[in-house]
Amino acid sequence: MLPRVSSNAFADLTSGVDQVAESLRTFLNDNQLPAPGSRADKEADGEPYAGDWGAHPSRDVFATIMLASWSCADHLRALAAVLKTQGSIAALYTMTRAVAEAAVLPCYLTETTIDPLERVRRNMNCNLDGICQDLNMLRRSSLPGAQQKITRHDTQLEAIRRTGEQYGFAFKQPDQFRSAYLGAKPESTMTLIDKCAAQTGALVLRRTRCSAGSRTRNCTACPGS
């Protein structure tokens, strides 16, 4: 028997997005620290890459993942609220893009094919981007304390450069509005979103084929079948 199709697609989409947001929030609340024995737990054990750039660089990766994931959950709830109005087409685009941008960072940092040092490098480039963006604003500011913050940021940039070079990463100095980075130039957010979407689509296709194959006892889509 075919499932009942709703006559209100917007209501269904709103409900679905809100449920995903709530599920993500629940998941994050239940996993505020790395699980014992997990990849994140093992990579942070003893902090092998601690140095002038930070005392807990591997643990900081998990913090970045959590912050971005919470941001994604908040954007999803906002998207559901906009969908509920059944209008504001421009806002729907803005909120959907914000969701994708927040979601892709945890995917980028948790990639299973990279080693722990590469994970730290990627997260350090996220830090460099934030520092450089802040510097671009502060250097145009006349507010009290701006120079003190600039000095602190410049000191942190130098510490990241020095430690990164110790691990063999070339340091690219900030260039006007372009942020500094370690090693290979970071890919744009949109490029990362495209890659993540392609991988997700391939996974869904494999799972669909596997499900169909299992029903015919002839599944060839998944390794080991």
Protein backbone atom coordinates (compact mmCIF):
# COMPACT_ATOMS: atom_id res chain seq x y z
CA MET A 1 0.00 0.00 0.00
CA LEU A 2 1.42 3.38 -1.01
CA PRO A 3 2.07 5.90 1.81
CA ARG A 4 -0.34 8.79 2.06
CA VAL A 5 0.91 11.88 0.27
CA SER A 6 0.33 15.16 2.08
CA SER A 7 -1.51 17.95 0.29
CA ASN A 8 0.78 20.53 1.94
CA ALA A 9 4.36 20.10 0.79
CA PHE A 10 5.55 23.16 2.72
CA ALA A 11 4.15 21.75 5.97
CA ASP A 12 5.86 18.42 5.35
CA LEU A 13 9.18 20.09 4.54
CA THR A 14 8.92 22.35 7.58
CA SER A 15 8.24 19.39 9.85
CA GLY A 16 11.08 17.37 8.31
CA VAL A 17 13.66 20.15 8.64
CA ASP A 18 12.59 20.86 12.22
CA GLN A 19 12.89 17.16 13.12
CA VAL A 20 16.40 17.00 11.65
CA ALA A 21 17.37 20.11 13.65
CA GLU A 22 15.99 18.64 16.87
CA SER A 23 17.69 15.28 16.25
CA LEU A 24 21.01 17.02 15.66
CA ARG A 25 20.63 19.08 18.84
CA THR A 26 19.85 15.95 20.84
CA PHE A 27 22.84 14.15 19.34
CA LEU A 28 25.16 17.05 20.21
CA ASN A 29 23.81 17.28 23.76
CA ASP A 30 24.42 13.56 24.24
CA ASN A 31 27.98 13.72 22.85
CA GLN A 32 29.60 16.79 24.31
CA LEU A 33 32.95 15.01 24.69
CA PRO A 34 34.73 12.52 22.41
CA ALA A 35 33.64 8.95 23.13
CA PRO A 36 36.35 6.88 24.88
CA GLY A 37 38.37 5.02 22.27
CA SER A 38 37.00 7.11 19.39
CA ARG A 39 39.23 8.64 16.72
CA ALA A 40 38.92 12.07 18.35
CA ASP A 41 39.78 10.63 21.77
CA LYS A 42 42.84 8.76 20.49
CA GLU A 43 44.20 11.66 18.43
CA ALA A 44 43.97 14.05 21.40
CA ASP A 45 45.61 11.61 23.82
CA GLY A 46 48.84 13.21 25.00
CA GLU A 47 48.42 16.06 22.49
CA PRO A 48 51.42 15.04 20.32
CA TYR A 49 51.23 18.26 18.27
CA ALA A 50 51.10 20.71 21.17
CA GLY A 51 53.37 23.70 20.71
CA ASP A 52 53.47 27.47 20.47
CA TRP A 53 50.38 27.39 18.25
CA GLY A 54 48.35 25.88 21.10
CA ALA A 55 48.47 23.45 24.00
CA HIS A 56 45.56 21.33 22.76
CA PRO A 57 45.50 21.44 18.94
CA SER A 58 43.87 18.01 18.53
CA ARG A 59 41.24 18.68 21.16
CA ASP A 60 40.56 22.02 19.48
CA VAL A 61 39.55 20.14 16.32
CA PHE A 62 36.67 18.56 18.23
CA ALA A 63 35.68 21.98 19.60
CA THR A 64 35.51 23.41 16.07
CA ILE A 65 33.39 20.46 14.92
CA MET A 66 30.97 20.93 17.82
CA LEU A 67 30.62 24.69 17.30
CA ALA A 68 29.98 24.29 13.57
CA SER A 69 27.48 21.49 14.22
CA TRP A 70 25.57 23.61 16.73
CA SER A 71 25.56 26.42 14.20
CA CYS A 72 24.13 24.01 11.62
CA ALA A 73 21.36 22.96 14.03
CA ASP A 74 20.48 26.61 14.74
CA HIS A 75 20.36 27.44 11.03
CA LEU A 76 18.12 24.41 10.43
CA ARG A 77 15.65 25.63 13.04
CA ALA A 78 15.70 29.10 11.49
CA LEU A 79 15.12 27.53 8.06
CA ALA A 80 12.13 25.63 9.43
CA ALA A 81 10.72 28.88 10.83
CA VAL A 82 11.07 30.58 7.45
CA LEU A 83 9.49 27.59 5.68
CA LYS A 84 6.54 27.84 8.05
CA THR A 85 5.71 31.28 6.65
CA GLN A 86 5.42 29.75 3.15
CA GLY A 87 7.08 32.83 1.70
CA SER A 88 10.37 34.74 1.81
CA ILE A 89 12.00 32.92 -1.11
CA ALA A 90 15.22 34.94 -0.84
CA ALA A 91 15.49 34.11 2.87
CA LEU A 92 15.09 30.41 2.08
CA TYR A 93 18.15 30.57 -0.18
CA THR A 94 20.16 32.44 2.44
CA MET A 95 19.26 30.04 5.25
CA THR A 96 19.82 26.92 3.13
CA ARG A 97 23.27 28.12 2.14
CA ALA A 98 24.07 28.89 5.78
CA VAL A 99 23.08 25.33 6.72
CA ALA A 100 25.32 23.88 4.01
CA GLU A 101 28.29 26.08 4.95
CA ALA A 102 28.00 25.12 8.63
CA ALA A 103 27.56 21.41 7.84
CA VAL A 104 30.51 21.07 5.47
CA LEU A 105 33.16 22.11 8.01
CA PRO A 106 32.64 19.10 10.33
CA CYS A 107 32.66 16.86 7.23
CA TYR A 108 35.96 18.42 6.13
CA LEU A 109 37.58 18.02 9.54
CA THR A 110 36.36 14.47 10.17
CA GLU A 111 37.46 13.05 6.83
CA THR A 112 38.62 9.51 7.59
CA THR A 113 41.35 9.33 4.95
CA ILE A 114 43.59 12.01 6.52
CA ASP A 115 46.10 11.63 9.35
CA PRO A 116 45.93 13.46 12.71
CA LEU A 117 48.48 16.11 11.73
CA GLU A 118 46.54 16.96 8.56
CA ARG A 119 43.42 17.33 10.68
CA VAL A 120 45.26 19.76 12.95
CA ARG A 121 46.54 21.69 9.90
CA ARG A 122 43.04 22.04 8.50
CA ASN A 123 41.69 23.28 11.81
CA MET A 124 44.64 25.66 12.21
CA ASN A 125 43.74 27.16 8.83
CA CYS A 126 40.22 27.75 10.15
CA ASN A 127 41.81 29.61 13.06
CA LEU A 128 44.02 31.61 10.70
CA ASP A 129 41.02 32.63 8.63
CA GLY A 130 39.20 33.87 11.74
CA ILE A 131 42.26 35.77 12.99
CA CYS A 132 42.84 37.44 9.62
CA GLN A 133 39.21 38.46 9.25
CA ASP A 134 39.32 39.99 12.72
CA LEU A 135 42.54 41.82 11.87
CA ASN A 136 40.97 43.30 8.73
CA MET A 137 38.26 44.88 10.91
CA LEU A 138 40.50 45.91 13.80
CA ARG A 139 42.99 47.74 11.57
CA ARG A 140 40.15 50.03 10.48
CA SER A 141 38.93 50.56 14.02
CA SER A 142 39.63 53.52 16.28
CA LEU A 143 38.02 51.89 19.31
CA PRO A 144 40.03 51.65 22.55
CA GLY A 145 41.80 48.33 22.84
CA ALA A 146 41.94 47.67 19.10
CA GLN A 147 45.75 47.92 18.95
CA GLN A 148 46.10 45.53 21.88
CA LYS A 149 43.97 42.96 20.05
CA ILE A 150 45.97 43.48 16.85
CA THR A 151 49.20 42.78 18.74
CA ARG A 152 47.70 39.63 20.27
CA HIS A 153 46.57 38.38 16.86
CA ASP A 154 49.94 39.14 15.25
CA THR A 155 51.63 37.17 18.03
CA GLN A 156 49.32 34.21 17.41
CA LEU A 157 49.96 34.36 13.65
CA GLU A 158 53.69 34.19 14.29
CA ALA A 159 53.26 31.26 16.70
CA ILE A 160 51.21 29.32 14.14
CA ARG A 161 53.78 30.10 11.41
CA ARG A 162 56.68 29.00 13.56
CA THR A 163 55.08 25.75 14.75
CA GLY A 164 53.64 24.92 11.35
CA GLU A 165 57.04 25.25 9.70
CA GLN A 166 58.48 22.89 12.33
CA TYR A 167 56.08 20.26 10.95
CA GLY A 168 57.05 21.03 7.36
CA PHE A 169 54.13 23.27 6.41
CA ALA A 170 54.88 26.37 4.35
CA PHE A 171 53.21 29.49 5.73
CA LYS A 172 51.43 31.86 3.36
CA GLN A 173 51.30 35.36 4.78
CA PRO A 174 47.97 37.23 4.67
CA ASP A 175 47.59 39.30 1.50
CA GLN A 176 45.19 42.21 1.83
CA PHE A 177 41.84 40.49 2.33
CA ARG A 178 43.18 36.97 1.72
CA SER A 179 43.79 35.01 4.90
CA ALA A 180 47.04 33.33 5.86
CA TYR A 181 47.24 29.55 5.63
CA LEU A 182 49.50 26.57 6.26
CA GLY A 183 50.43 24.08 3.55
CA ALA A 184 48.16 23.70 0.54
CA LYS A 185 45.74 26.54 -0.15
CA PRO A 186 42.37 25.76 1.47
CA GLU A 187 39.58 24.94 -0.94
CA SER A 188 36.63 27.32 -1.08
CA THR A 189 33.53 26.52 0.96
CA MET A 190 31.49 26.02 -2.20
CA THR A 191 34.04 23.53 -3.55
CA LEU A 192 33.86 21.59 -0.28
CA ILE A 193 30.05 21.64 -0.41
CA ASP A 194 30.11 20.27 -3.96
CA LYS A 195 32.46 17.47 -2.94
CA CYS A 196 30.43 16.60 0.13
CA ALA A 197 27.20 16.57 -1.88
CA ALA A 198 28.76 14.29 -4.49
CA GLN A 199 29.97 11.86 -1.82
CA THR A 200 26.60 11.88 -0.09
CA GLY A 201 24.80 11.23 -3.37
CA ALA A 202 27.12 8.33 -4.16
CA LEU A 203 26.51 6.85 -0.70
CA VAL A 204 22.73 7.09 -1.10
CA LEU A 205 22.99 5.43 -4.50
CA ARG A 206 25.11 2.59 -3.09
CA ARG A 207 22.69 2.07 -0.21
CA THR A 208 19.72 2.07 -2.57
CA ARG A 209 21.36 -0.49 -4.82
CA CYS A 210 22.32 -2.58 -1.80
CA SER A 211 18.73 -2.54 -0.56
CA ALA A 212 17.44 -3.57 -3.96
CA GLY A 213 20.12 -6.24 -4.30
CA SER A 214 19.36 -7.71 -0.90
CA ARG A 215 15.76 -8.24 -1.90
CA THR A 216 16.88 -10.18 -4.98
CA ARG A 217 19.76 -11.86 -3.09
CA ASN A 218 22.14 -10.39 -5.65
CA CYS A 219 23.65 -7.30 -4.01
CA THR A 220 26.84 -6.13 -5.73
CA ALA A 221 26.83 -2.48 -4.71
CA CYS A 222 28.65 -2.79 -1.39
CA PRO A 223 32.14 -4.16 -0.74
CA GLY A 224 32.16 -7.67 0.66
CA SER A 225 28.73 -8.54 -0.69
